[in-house]
Protein backbone atom coordinates (compact mmCIF):
# COMPACT_ATOMS: atom_id res chain seq x y z
CA MET A 1 41.67 -72.04 9.77
CA SER A 2 40.01 -74.62 12.05
CA LYS A 3 36.72 -74.04 13.37
CA LYS A 4 38.23 -73.90 17.00
CA ARG A 5 40.72 -71.38 15.83
CA SER A 6 37.92 -69.42 14.20
CA LEU A 7 36.11 -69.35 17.29
CA SER A 8 39.25 -68.03 19.04
CA ALA A 9 39.37 -65.22 16.44
CA GLN A 10 35.82 -64.44 17.12
CA GLY A 11 36.47 -64.03 20.63
CA ARG A 12 39.68 -62.31 20.81
CA ALA A 13 38.50 -58.66 20.62
CA TYR A 14 34.91 -59.27 21.69
CA GLY A 15 32.95 -57.05 19.68
CA ALA A 16 32.19 -54.71 17.03
CA PRO A 17 30.35 -51.40 16.29
CA SER A 18 26.62 -51.84 16.56
CA SER A 19 25.35 -48.16 16.14
CA VAL A 20 26.14 -45.75 13.27
CA LEU A 21 25.42 -42.62 15.06
CA ARG A 22 27.01 -43.79 18.35
CA ARG A 23 30.25 -44.84 16.71
CA ALA A 24 30.14 -41.63 14.51
CA VAL A 25 29.94 -39.55 17.48
CA LEU A 26 32.39 -41.67 19.42
CA GLY A 27 34.72 -41.22 16.23
CA GLY A 28 34.06 -37.66 16.89
CA LEU A 29 35.95 -38.19 20.26
CA VAL A 30 39.12 -38.93 18.34
CA LEU A 31 38.72 -35.24 16.69
CA THR A 32 37.46 -33.45 19.42
CA VAL A 33 39.68 -34.84 22.04
CA LEU A 34 42.81 -35.10 19.93
CA LEU A 35 42.20 -31.98 18.17
CA ALA A 36 40.17 -29.73 20.29
CA VAL A 37 40.15 -31.43 23.92
CA ALA A 38 37.18 -29.50 25.12
CA GLY A 39 35.04 -31.14 22.62
CA LEU A 40 34.47 -34.16 24.95
CA LEU A 41 30.91 -33.29 25.76
CA ALA A 42 29.75 -33.80 22.17
CA TYR A 43 31.06 -37.19 22.27
CA LEU A 44 29.53 -38.03 25.62
CA THR A 45 26.14 -36.74 25.04
CA ARG A 46 25.10 -39.21 22.12
CA ALA A 47 21.97 -40.70 20.84
CA GLU A 48 20.87 -44.36 20.11
CA SER A 49 20.23 -45.15 16.35
CA PRO A 50 19.63 -48.07 14.09
CA THR A 51 22.14 -51.02 13.91
CA SER A 52 24.99 -50.78 11.86
CA THR A 53 25.52 -53.15 8.99
CA LYS A 54 29.17 -52.27 8.59
CA PRO A 55 31.49 -55.33 8.64
CA SER A 56 33.89 -56.09 11.50
CA PRO A 57 36.70 -58.37 12.16
CA THR A 58 34.78 -59.89 14.98
CA PRO A 59 30.93 -60.45 15.65
CA ALA A 60 29.23 -57.72 17.64
CA SER A 61 27.38 -58.41 20.78
CA THR A 62 23.89 -59.01 19.67
CA GLN A 63 22.70 -57.77 23.08
CA ARG A 64 23.23 -54.51 24.59
CA VAL A 65 24.86 -54.87 27.77
CA ALA A 66 22.97 -52.93 30.48
CA SER A 67 24.84 -51.00 33.07
CA PRO A 68 25.42 -53.62 35.97
CA GLU A 69 25.35 -51.35 38.74
CA ALA A 70 23.29 -53.85 40.81
CA THR A 71 25.25 -56.85 39.81
CA ILE A 72 27.43 -58.50 42.25
CA GLY A 73 30.27 -60.32 40.28
CA ASN A 74 33.20 -62.38 41.31
CA ASP A 75 36.13 -60.08 42.10
CA ALA A 76 38.44 -62.48 40.62
CA ALA A 77 36.92 -62.38 37.20
CA VAL A 78 38.48 -59.04 36.32
CA ALA A 79 41.43 -57.47 38.24
CA ALA A 80 40.60 -54.26 40.33
CA PRO A 81 41.42 -50.78 38.75
CA PRO A 82 44.59 -49.42 40.21
CA LYS A 83 44.69 -46.48 42.58
CA THR A 84 46.71 -44.05 40.49
CA SER A 85 46.52 -40.64 38.93
CA ASP A 86 48.69 -41.15 35.96
CA PRO A 87 46.48 -41.69 33.06
CA ILE A 88 48.97 -43.82 31.04
CA VAL A 89 49.43 -46.00 33.80
CA PHE A 90 45.73 -46.56 34.27
CA ALA A 91 45.01 -46.97 30.63
CA LYS A 92 47.87 -49.63 30.35
CA ALA A 93 46.21 -51.52 33.23
CA ALA A 94 42.73 -51.04 31.65
CA THR A 95 44.02 -52.45 28.53
CA LYS A 96 45.10 -55.51 30.06
CA VAL A 97 41.86 -56.24 31.65
CA LEU A 98 39.99 -55.51 28.27
CA TRP A 99 42.26 -58.11 26.51
CA THR A 100 41.91 -60.74 29.23
CA TYR A 101 39.24 -63.15 29.88
CA ASP A 102 38.61 -66.61 31.24
CA THR A 103 35.28 -68.26 29.99
CA ARG A 104 36.17 -71.47 31.88
CA SER A 105 36.04 -70.06 35.38
CA PHE A 106 33.92 -66.82 35.03
CA SER A 107 30.45 -66.19 33.81
CA ARG A 108 29.74 -63.41 31.43
CA ALA A 109 27.80 -61.47 34.03
CA GLU A 110 30.75 -61.69 36.41
CA HIS A 111 33.10 -60.45 33.62
CA VAL A 112 30.70 -57.64 32.99
CA ALA A 113 30.41 -56.57 36.40
CA GLY A 114 34.15 -56.73 36.82
CA LEU A 115 34.88 -54.39 33.94
CA TYR A 116 32.05 -52.08 35.11
CA ARG A 117 34.23 -51.27 38.09
CA TRP A 118 36.78 -49.53 35.96
CA MET A 119 34.18 -47.11 34.62
CA THR A 120 34.09 -43.42 35.87
CA GLY A 121 31.29 -42.82 38.04
CA GLU A 122 30.39 -39.43 36.24
CA LYS A 123 27.61 -40.45 34.17
CA LYS A 124 27.86 -37.27 32.06
CA TYR A 125 31.10 -38.74 30.72
CA ALA A 126 30.92 -42.53 31.04
CA ASP A 127 30.53 -44.38 27.67
CA TRP A 128 29.82 -47.92 28.97
CA GLU A 129 28.44 -48.88 25.61
CA SER A 130 31.85 -48.47 24.01
CA VAL A 131 33.32 -50.92 26.62
CA SER A 132 30.32 -53.21 26.76
CA ASP A 133 30.84 -53.56 22.88
CA GLN A 134 34.04 -55.26 23.60
CA ILE A 135 32.29 -58.09 25.43
CA PRO A 136 31.01 -61.25 23.74
CA SER A 137 27.40 -61.91 23.32
CA PRO A 138 25.82 -64.33 25.60
CA VAL A 139 25.73 -67.03 22.85
CA LEU A 140 29.30 -66.38 21.87
CA TRP A 141 30.38 -66.53 25.57
CA SER A 142 28.61 -69.80 25.85
CA ARG A 143 30.44 -71.25 22.75
CA MET A 144 33.87 -69.93 24.10
CA HIS A 145 33.00 -71.47 27.36
CA ASP A 146 32.38 -74.84 25.67
CA ASN A 147 35.56 -74.52 23.73
CA GLY A 148 37.62 -73.62 27.03
CA GLN A 149 38.69 -70.50 25.60
CA HIS A 150 40.69 -68.04 27.64
CA ALA A 151 43.10 -64.98 27.05
CA SER A 152 45.97 -63.27 28.61
CA ALA A 153 47.77 -59.99 27.78
CA LYS A 154 51.06 -58.50 27.78
CA VAL A 155 50.90 -54.61 27.50
CA GLY A 156 53.87 -52.97 26.19
CA GLU A 157 53.98 -49.15 25.54
CA GLY A 158 51.44 -46.58 26.34
CA HIS A 159 51.40 -42.84 25.33
CA PHE A 160 49.43 -39.67 24.59
CA PRO A 161 48.71 -39.59 20.74
CA GLN A 162 50.54 -36.73 19.14
CA ALA A 163 47.39 -34.89 18.03
CA PHE A 164 46.34 -34.81 21.59
CA LYS A 165 49.82 -33.52 22.90
CA THR A 166 49.55 -30.88 20.26
CA ALA A 167 46.05 -29.74 21.02
CA LEU A 168 46.88 -29.70 24.85
CA ALA A 169 49.94 -27.54 24.15
CA GLN A 170 47.92 -25.01 22.13
CA GLU A 171 45.16 -24.87 24.71
CA PRO A 172 46.42 -26.09 28.07
CA GLY A 173 43.35 -25.28 29.89
CA ALA A 174 40.95 -27.08 27.51
CA ILE A 175 41.08 -30.20 29.68
CA THR A 176 40.36 -28.81 32.94
CA GLU A 177 36.59 -29.40 32.81
CA ALA A 178 36.30 -33.07 32.06
CA HIS A 179 39.96 -34.06 32.73
CA VAL A 180 39.78 -36.68 30.10
CA TYR A 181 42.70 -37.85 28.42
CA ALA A 182 43.23 -39.92 25.20
CA VAL A 183 45.95 -42.84 25.59
CA THR A 184 46.97 -45.22 23.00
CA VAL A 185 48.41 -48.47 24.31
CA THR A 186 50.13 -51.28 22.38
CA GLY A 187 50.77 -55.07 23.41
CA LYS A 188 50.09 -58.53 22.73
CA GLN A 189 46.92 -60.79 23.36
CA SER A 190 47.47 -64.39 23.75
CA ILE A 191 44.65 -66.90 23.38
CA ALA A 192 44.10 -70.59 24.27
CA TRP A 193 41.54 -73.18 23.94
CA LYS A 194 40.80 -76.91 24.43
CA GLY A 195 43.22 -79.45 22.63
CA SER A 196 46.26 -77.52 23.08
CA GLY A 197 45.12 -74.73 20.77
CA SER A 198 46.52 -71.30 20.91
CA GLY A 199 47.32 -68.04 19.26
CA ALA A 200 48.75 -64.76 19.62
CA GLU A 201 48.56 -61.37 17.94
CA SER A 202 49.69 -57.65 18.45
CA ARG A 203 47.32 -55.05 19.15
CA ALA A 204 46.72 -51.71 19.92
CA THR A 205 43.85 -49.42 21.28
CA THR A 206 43.06 -45.87 22.11
CA LEU A 207 41.25 -45.44 25.40
CA ALA A 208 39.52 -42.16 26.99
CA VAL A 209 40.76 -41.90 30.62
CA GLN A 210 39.51 -39.66 33.33
CA CYS A 211 41.98 -38.50 35.81
CA ARG A 212 40.68 -35.62 38.19
CA PRO A 213 43.28 -34.07 40.45
CA ASP A 214 41.39 -35.08 43.62
CA ARG A 215 40.66 -38.88 42.76
CA ALA A 216 42.03 -41.85 41.04
CA CYS A 217 41.78 -42.30 37.30
CA ALA A 218 38.84 -44.13 35.83
CA LEU A 219 37.81 -45.45 32.51
CA VAL A 220 35.71 -43.36 30.24
CA GLY A 221 35.39 -45.45 26.92
CA VAL A 222 37.04 -47.25 24.20
CA LEU A 223 37.50 -45.15 20.96
CA PRO A 224 36.59 -46.72 17.74
CA SER A 225 40.06 -46.49 16.00
CA VAL A 226 43.41 -46.37 17.25
CA ALA A 227 45.17 -42.78 17.39
CA PRO A 228 48.84 -42.78 16.61
C-alpha cells in the first residue's frame, strides 16, 4: 500500500475511540437501546475517563472537538439536515454526511460546524463526542488537505436493528420519553486524492436518532459498533 493510499485509509472513517469509559457507556447504548429502549439515560449521562490504548483501524482525533455552537461555518461544507420525522430517512442522510468530506475546499472548522447542525438541541441526549470522534485531528486534516483528499458516499439500506424492534414490540411505551431510535445504515464510501488515486469500500454504521412527534429528527450520536 502506498503512502498516499495509507493516508486515504487513515482518513476514510475519521477517528477511533478515545475514552474507555465513554465507549463502554456508549456500548451500553447498544444494550439499553436495543434491549431496553428506556435505558438511554445511562448512555447519555456519561463521564470522562483516561484515553484508551485500544487499537483501531484509523487514528483517533488527538484533540477533543469542542461543541462549535458559536462557530460560523460554510453551509456548503456539510449538507443541511433534512426536515423529516422518519428516523430511517434521517439516519440515511446523516450517514451520508458522516462519510462525506472535502479537505480541498473546506476547513476542518467549517466541517465541524456543519456536522454540529445535525445534532439534537437537547443536551441531555446529545452525544457530540461520538460524532466529533469521526472527524480527523487538525494534523491529519492538514495532511489530507495537502494530499487533496475528498470522499463521497452512496447510502444503500437503512433499518431498525432486530433487537431494537423486538424490545420496542415488548415495551412499546419505553421510547416515549427520549424518542430516540437506533438505525443501522449500509452503503459505500469512495475516496480520491491527488494523482488520480482512488479507492472505495462498503461500510455500515448504527446511529442514534431522535424523532419527537412535534419536530424534525436530529442526530443523537454514533454507536461504537454496528447492530444487525
